[in-house]
PDB file of N, CA and C in Angstrom:
ATOM      1  N   MET A   1       0.932  -0.798   0.779  1.00  0.00           N
ATOM      2  CA  MET A   1      -0.425   0.322   0.331  1.00  0.00           C
ATOM      3  C   MET A   1       0.919   1.689  -0.667  1.00  0.00           C
ATOM      4  N   THR A   2       0.154   2.340  -0.642  1.00  0.00           N
ATOM      5  CA  THR A   2       0.905   2.947  -0.533  1.00  0.00           C
ATOM      6  C   THR A   2       1.066   4.716  -0.518  1.00  0.00           C
ATOM      7  N   LEU A   3       1.293   5.584   0.398  1.00  0.00           N
ATOM      8  CA  LEU A   3       0.683   6.806   1.461  1.00  0.00           C
ATOM      9  C   LEU A   3       1.380   7.463   0.864  1.00  0.00           C
ATOM     10  N   ASN A   4       0.164   8.713   0.234  1.00  0.00           N
ATOM     11  CA  ASN A   4      -0.049  10.200  -0.252  1.00  0.00           C
ATOM     12  C   ASN A   4       1.256  10.815   0.596  1.00  0.00           C
ATOM     13  N   VAL A   5       1.903  10.898   0.692  1.00  0.00           N
ATOM     14  CA  VAL A   5       2.824  12.491   1.529  1.00  0.00           C
ATOM     15  C   VAL A   5       3.136  13.623   0.693  1.00  0.00           C
ATOM     16  N   PHE A   6       2.476  14.235   1.635  1.00  0.00           N
ATOM     17  CA  PHE A   6       1.935  15.752   0.795  1.00  0.00           C
ATOM     18  C   PHE A   6       2.955  16.592   1.956  1.00  0.00           C
ATOM     19  N   PRO A   7       3.707  17.934   1.305  1.00  0.00           N
ATOM     20  CA  PRO A   7       4.342  18.575   2.310  1.00  0.00           C
ATOM     21  C   PRO A   7       3.208  19.324   3.218  1.00  0.00           C
ATOM     22  N   PRO A   8       3.441  20.814   4.035  1.00  0.00           N
ATOM     23  CA  PRO A   8       2.500  20.810   4.616  1.00  0.00           C
ATOM     24  C   PRO A   8       2.162  22.398   3.434  1.00  0.00           C
ATOM     25  N   LEU A   9       0.879  22.746   3.775  1.00  0.00           N
ATOM     26  CA  LEU A   9      -0.005  23.338   4.054  1.00  0.00           C
ATOM     27  C   LEU A   9       1.086  24.169   3.555  1.00  0.00           C
ATOM     28  N   ASP A  10       1.164  25.056   4.287  1.00  0.00           N
ATOM     29  CA  ASP A  10       1.774  26.420   4.619  1.00  0.00           C
ATOM     30  C   ASP A  10       3.573  26.498   3.656  1.00  0.00           C
ATOM     31  N   SER A  11       4.724  25.644   3.011  1.00  0.00           N
ATOM     32  CA  SER A  11       5.161  25.067   1.984  1.00  0.00           C
ATOM     33  C   SER A  11       5.374  25.637   1.231  1.00  0.00           C
ATOM     34  N   ASN A  12       3.927  24.829   0.806  1.00  0.00           N
ATOM     35  CA  ASN A  12       3.240  24.622  -0.756  1.00  0.00           C
ATOM     36  C   ASN A  12       3.691  26.567  -1.219  1.00  0.00           C
ATOM     37  N   THR A  13       3.736  26.089  -2.155  1.00  0.00           N
ATOM     38  CA  THR A  13       3.820  27.575  -3.488  1.00  0.00           C
ATOM     39  C   THR A  13       3.434  27.857  -5.123  1.00  0.00           C
ATOM     40  N   GLN A  14       2.475  26.823  -5.093  1.00  0.00           N
ATOM     41  CA  GLN A  14       1.674  27.034  -5.983  1.00  0.00           C
ATOM     42  C   GLN A  14      -0.177  27.446  -5.548  1.00  0.00           C
ATOM     43  N   PRO A  15      -0.578  27.802  -6.532  1.00  0.00           N
ATOM     44  CA  PRO A  15      -1.156  28.468  -6.643  1.00  0.00           C
ATOM     45  C   PRO A  15      -2.673  27.864  -6.219  1.00  0.00           C
ATOM     46  N   THR A  16      -2.314  26.844  -6.841  1.00  0.00           N
ATOM     47  CA  THR A  16      -3.852  25.214  -6.651  1.00  0.00           C
ATOM     48  C   THR A  16      -3.464  23.834  -6.726  1.00  0.00           C
ATOM     49  N   LEU A  17      -4.366  23.638  -6.075  1.00  0.00           N
ATOM     50  CA  LEU A  17      -3.559  22.182  -5.626  1.00  0.00           C
ATOM     51  C   LEU A  17      -4.024  20.582  -6.488  1.00  0.00           C
ATOM     52  N   PRO A  18      -4.303  19.804  -6.850  1.00  0.00           N
ATOM     53  CA  PRO A  18      -5.189  18.377  -7.483  1.00  0.00           C
ATOM     54  C   PRO A  18      -6.303  18.203  -6.533  1.00  0.00           C
ATOM     55  N   THR A  19      -6.612  17.892  -7.288  1.00  0.00           N
ATOM     56  CA  THR A  19      -8.018  16.809  -5.892  1.00  0.00           C
ATOM     57  C   THR A  19      -7.523  16.276  -5.084  1.00  0.00           C
ATOM     58  N   ASP A  20      -6.230  15.397  -5.370  1.00  0.00           N
ATOM     59  CA  ASP A  20      -5.899  14.713  -4.282  1.00  0.00           C
ATOM     60  C   ASP A  20      -6.297  14.886  -2.988  1.00  0.00           C
ATOM     61  N   ALA A  21      -4.193  16.002  -3.384  1.00  0.00           N
ATOM     62  CA  ALA A  21      -3.859  16.621  -2.402  1.00  0.00           C
ATOM     63  C   ALA A  21      -4.925  17.308  -1.313  1.00  0.00           C
ATOM     64  N   THR A  22      -6.099  18.403  -2.867  1.00  0.00           N
ATOM     65  CA  THR A  22      -7.165  18.883  -1.259  1.00  0.00           C
ATOM     66  C   THR A  22      -7.579  17.932  -0.612  1.00  0.00           C
ATOM     67  N   ALA A  23      -7.905  17.163  -1.267  1.00  0.00           N
ATOM     68  CA  ALA A  23      -8.711  15.891  -0.324  1.00  0.00           C
ATOM     69  C   ALA A  23      -7.810  15.890   1.626  1.00  0.00           C
ATOM     70  N   PHE A  24      -6.340  15.474   1.000  1.00  0.00           N
ATOM     71  CA  PHE A  24      -5.619  14.883   1.871  1.00  0.00           C
ATOM     72  C   PHE A  24      -5.503  15.853   3.018  1.00  0.00           C
ATOM     73  N   TYR A  25      -5.656  17.624   2.159  1.00  0.00           N
ATOM     74  CA  TYR A  25      -5.298  18.577   2.982  1.00  0.00           C
ATOM     75  C   TYR A  25      -6.818  18.881   4.674  1.00  0.00           C
ATOM     76  N   LEU A  26      -7.783  18.130   3.566  1.00  0.00           N
ATOM     77  CA  LEU A  26      -9.558  18.952   3.720  1.00  0.00           C
ATOM     78  C   LEU A  26      -9.724  17.124   4.666  1.00  0.00           C
ATOM     79  N   ASN A  27      -8.948  15.680   4.457  1.00  0.00           N
ATOM     80  CA  ASN A  27      -9.342  15.403   4.811  1.00  0.00           C
ATOM     81  C   ASN A  27     -10.888  14.662   4.700  1.00  0.00           C
ATOM     82  N   ARG A  28     -10.441  14.622   3.949  1.00  0.00           N
ATOM     83  CA  ARG A  28     -12.195  14.306   2.923  1.00  0.00           C
ATOM     84  C   ARG A  28     -11.169  13.225   2.197  1.00  0.00           C
ATOM     85  N   LYS A  29     -12.385  12.629   1.263  1.00  0.00           N
ATOM     86  CA  LYS A  29     -12.180  11.732   0.326  1.00  0.00           C
ATOM     87  C   LYS A  29     -11.859  12.586  -1.587  1.00  0.00           C
ATOM     88  N   SER A  30     -11.425  11.939  -2.316  1.00  0.00           N
ATOM     89  CA  SER A  30     -11.478  12.866  -3.261  1.00  0.00           C
ATOM     90  C   SER A  30     -12.722  13.016  -3.538  1.00  0.00           C
ATOM     91  N   GLN A  31     -13.311  12.287  -3.880  1.00  0.00           N
ATOM     92  CA  GLN A  31     -14.892  11.868  -4.364  1.00  0.00           C
ATOM     93  C   GLN A  31     -16.114  13.365  -4.090  1.00  0.00           C
ATOM     94  N   THR A  32     -15.743  12.952  -2.686  1.00  0.00           N
ATOM     95  CA  THR A  32     -16.333  14.090  -2.299  1.00  0.00           C
ATOM     96  C   THR A  32     -16.081  15.794  -2.944  1.00  0.00           C
ATOM     97  N   LEU A  33     -14.838  15.476  -3.243  1.00  0.00           N
ATOM     98  CA  LEU A  33     -14.260  17.046  -3.833  1.00  0.00           C
ATOM     99  C   LEU A  33     -15.268  16.594  -5.004  1.00  0.00           C
ATOM    100  N   ARG A  34     -15.016  15.645  -5.942  1.00  0.00           N
ATOM    101  CA  ARG A  34     -15.666  16.126  -6.355  1.00  0.00           C
ATOM    102  C   ARG A  34     -17.239  16.355  -6.712  1.00  0.00           C
ATOM    103  N   SER A  35     -18.016  15.738  -5.954  1.00  0.00           N
ATOM    104  CA  SER A  35     -18.777  15.723  -5.558  1.00  0.00           C
ATOM    105  C   SER A  35     -19.282  17.527  -5.527  1.00  0.00           C
ATOM    106  N   TRP A  36     -18.867  18.517  -4.460  1.00  0.00           N
ATOM    107  CA  TRP A  36     -18.789  20.040  -4.297  1.00  0.00           C
ATOM    108  C   TRP A  36     -18.216  20.384  -5.739  1.00  0.00           C
ATOM    109  N   ALA A  37     -17.647  19.504  -6.852  1.00  0.00           N
ATOM    110  CA  ALA A  37     -17.486  20.369  -8.037  1.00  0.00           C
ATOM    111  C   ALA A  37     -18.396  20.543  -8.675  1.00  0.00           C
ATOM    112  N   SER A  38     -18.367  18.842  -9.093  1.00  0.00           N
ATOM    113  CA  SER A  38     -20.539  19.290  -9.922  1.00  0.00           C
ATOM    114  C   SER A  38     -21.870  19.040  -8.759  1.00  0.00           C
ATOM    115  N   LEU A  39     -21.677  19.650  -8.321  1.00  0.00           N
ATOM    116  CA  LEU A  39     -23.263  20.505  -7.383  1.00  0.00           C
ATOM    117  C   LEU A  39     -22.511  21.972  -6.978  1.00  0.00           C
ATOM    118  N   GLU A  40     -21.538  22.823  -7.626  1.00  0.00           N
ATOM    119  CA  GLU A  40     -21.253  23.280  -6.763  1.00  0.00           C
ATOM    120  C   GLU A  40     -21.757  24.064  -5.265  1.00  0.00           C
ATOM    121  N   ASN A  41     -21.306  22.974  -4.522  1.00  0.00           N
ATOM    122  CA  ASN A  41     -22.255  23.483  -3.478  1.00  0.00           C
ATOM    123  C   ASN A  41     -21.209  23.529  -2.031  1.00  0.00           C
ATOM    124  N   GLY A  42     -20.194  22.587  -2.622  1.00  0.00           N
ATOM    125  CA  GLY A  42     -19.139  22.821  -1.110  1.00  0.00           C
ATOM    126  C   GLY A  42     -18.317  24.446  -0.710  1.00  0.00           C
ATOM    127  N   PRO A  43     -17.734  24.221   0.242  1.00  0.00           N
ATOM    128  CA  PRO A  43     -16.731  25.414   0.268  1.00  0.00           C
ATOM    129  C   PRO A  43     -15.425  26.102  -0.353  1.00  0.00           C
ATOM    130  N   ILE A  44     -15.653  25.235  -1.199  1.00  0.00           N
ATOM    131  CA  ILE A  44     -14.799  25.553  -2.133  1.00  0.00           C
ATOM    132  C   ILE A  44     -14.882  25.312  -3.741  1.00  0.00           C
ATOM    133  N   ARG A  45     -15.091  26.422  -4.017  1.00  0.00           N
ATOM    134  CA  ARG A  45     -15.508  25.953  -5.679  1.00  0.00           C
ATOM    135  C   ARG A  45     -13.999  25.770  -6.243  1.00  0.00           C
ATOM    136  N   PRO A  46     -13.873  25.370  -6.709  1.00  0.00           N
ATOM    137  CA  PRO A  46     -12.316  24.840  -8.191  1.00  0.00           C
ATOM    138  C   PRO A  46     -12.806  25.497  -9.164  1.00  0.00           C
ATOM    139  N   ILE A  47     -11.175  25.585 -10.078  1.00  0.00           N
ATOM    140  CA  ILE A  47     -11.447  26.404 -11.372  1.00  0.00           C
ATOM    141  C   ILE A  47     -10.886  25.074 -12.442  1.00  0.00           C
ATOM    142  N   ARG A  48     -11.370  24.999 -12.942  1.00  0.00           N
ATOM    143  CA  ARG A  48     -10.991  24.079 -14.288  1.00  0.00           C
ATOM    144  C   ARG A  48     -10.684  24.273 -15.840  1.00  0.00           C
ATOM    145  N   ILE A  49      -8.990  23.243 -15.507  1.00  0.00           N
ATOM    146  CA  ILE A  49      -8.080  23.925 -16.422  1.00  0.00           C
ATOM    147  C   ILE A  49      -8.056  22.602 -17.481  1.00  0.00           C
ATOM    148  N   ASN A  50      -7.986  23.053 -18.391  1.00  0.00           N
ATOM    149  CA  ASN A  50      -8.747  21.677 -19.733  1.00  0.00           C
ATOM    150  C   ASN A  50      -9.191  19.914 -19.153  1.00  0.00           C
ATOM    151  N   GLY A  51     -10.472  20.742 -18.042  1.00  0.00           N
ATOM    152  CA  GLY A  51     -11.326  18.758 -18.094  1.00  0.00           C
ATOM    153  C   GLY A  51     -10.319  18.300 -16.673  1.00  0.00           C
ATOM    154  N   ARG A  52      -9.826  19.195 -15.825  1.00  0.00           N
ATOM    155  CA  ARG A  52      -9.087  18.413 -14.803  1.00  0.00           C
ATOM    156  C   ARG A  52      -9.464  20.706 -13.826  1.00  0.00           C
ATOM    157  N   LEU A  53      -9.709  19.465 -12.687  1.00  0.00           N
ATOM    158  CA  LEU A  53      -9.939  20.480 -11.063  1.00  0.00           C
ATOM    159  C   LEU A  53      -8.614  20.797 -10.281  1.00  0.00           C
ATOM    160  N   ALA A  54      -8.894  22.467 -10.183  1.00  0.00           N
ATOM    161  CA  ALA A  54      -7.667  22.450  -9.768  1.00  0.00           C
ATOM    162  C   ALA A  54      -8.114  23.105  -8.219  1.00  0.00           C
ATOM    163  N   TRP A  55      -7.462  23.371  -7.710  1.00  0.00           N
ATOM    164  CA  TRP A  55      -8.345  23.868  -6.198  1.00  0.00           C
ATOM    165  C   TRP A  55      -7.821  25.133  -5.900  1.00  0.00           C
ATOM    166  N   PRO A  56      -7.766  26.192  -5.118  1.00  0.00           N
ATOM    167  CA  PRO A  56      -7.234  27.195  -4.756  1.00  0.00           C
ATOM    168  C   PRO A  56      -6.725  26.984  -3.793  1.00  0.00           C
ATOM    169  N   VAL A  57      -5.196  27.418  -2.963  1.00  0.00           N
ATOM    170  CA  VAL A  57      -4.807  27.072  -2.378  1.00  0.00           C
ATOM    171  C   VAL A  57      -5.300  27.792  -1.125  1.00  0.00           C
ATOM    172  N   ARG A  58      -5.543  29.580  -1.414  1.00  0.00           N
ATOM    173  CA  ARG A  58      -5.856  30.348  -0.915  1.00  0.00           C
ATOM    174  C   ARG A  58      -6.914  30.036   0.059  1.00  0.00           C
ATOM    175  N   GLU A  59      -8.098  29.257  -0.808  1.00  0.00           N
ATOM    176  CA  GLU A  59      -9.710  29.519  -0.616  1.00  0.00           C
ATOM    177  C   GLU A  59      -8.865  27.976   0.587  1.00  0.00           C
ATOM    178  N   ILE A  60      -7.937  27.289   0.145  1.00  0.00           N
ATOM    179  CA  ILE A  60      -7.713  25.822   1.339  1.00  0.00           C
ATOM    180  C   ILE A  60      -7.442  26.032   2.403  1.00  0.00           C
ATOM    181  N   LYS A  61      -7.440  27.459   2.863  1.00  0.00           N
ATOM    182  CA  LYS A  61      -6.234  28.002   3.972  1.00  0.00           C
ATOM    183  C   LYS A  61      -7.639  28.714   4.633  1.00  0.00           C
ATOM    184  N   LYS A  62      -8.046  29.844   3.859  1.00  0.00           N
ATOM    185  CA  LYS A  62      -9.248  30.274   4.854  1.00  0.00           C
ATOM    186  C   LYS A  62     -10.449  28.649   5.050  1.00  0.00           C
ATOM    187  N   VAL A  63     -10.443  27.421   4.746  1.00  0.00           N
ATOM    188  CA  VAL A  63     -11.399  27.427   4.868  1.00  0.00           C
ATOM    189  C   VAL A  63     -10.827  26.138   6.231  1.00  0.00           C
ATOM    190  N   LEU A  64      -9.709  26.366   6.073  1.00  0.00           N
ATOM    191  CA  LEU A  64      -8.885  25.216   7.483  1.00  0.00           C
ATOM    192  C   LEU A  64      -8.852  26.441   8.205  1.00  0.00           C
ATOM    193  N   GLY A  65      -8.685  27.384   8.374  1.00  0.00           N
ATOM    194  CA  GLY A  65      -8.378  28.651   9.461  1.00  0.00           C
ATOM    195  C   GLY A  65      -7.536  29.714   9.118  1.00  0.00           C
ATOM    196  N   VAL A  66      -6.660  28.654   8.223  1.00  0.00           N
ATOM    197  CA  VAL A  66      -5.207  29.125   8.853  1.00  0.00           C
ATOM    198  C   VAL A  66      -5.527  30.596   7.721  1.00  0.00           C
ATOM    199  N   GLU A  67      -6.070  30.670   7.003  1.00  0.00           N
ATOM    200  CA  GLU A  67      -5.551  32.300   6.200  1.00  0.00           C
ATOM    201  C   GLU A  67      -7.060  33.445   6.354  1.00  0.00           C
ATOM    202  N   VAL A  68      -6.799  33.700   7.303  1.00  0.00           N
ATOM    203  CA  VAL A  68      -8.119  35.108   6.955  1.00  0.00           C
ATOM    204  C   VAL A  68      -8.268  35.148   5.534  1.00  0.00           C
TER     205      VAL A  68
END
């Protein structure tokens, strides 16, 4: 079994993250985030780039209470 190891969110320098990394930081399953994107009912709205979901780091931090 391979575990996904992501660096601390504070050390991230990218403006967006893929779904699997966002799910890790929010302690949710990737499918939950895909559902939020599809139904547009989650606390974060992703950006769609060539059919892929990109989750804004700034919004992730707001949801976690790390950044206001």
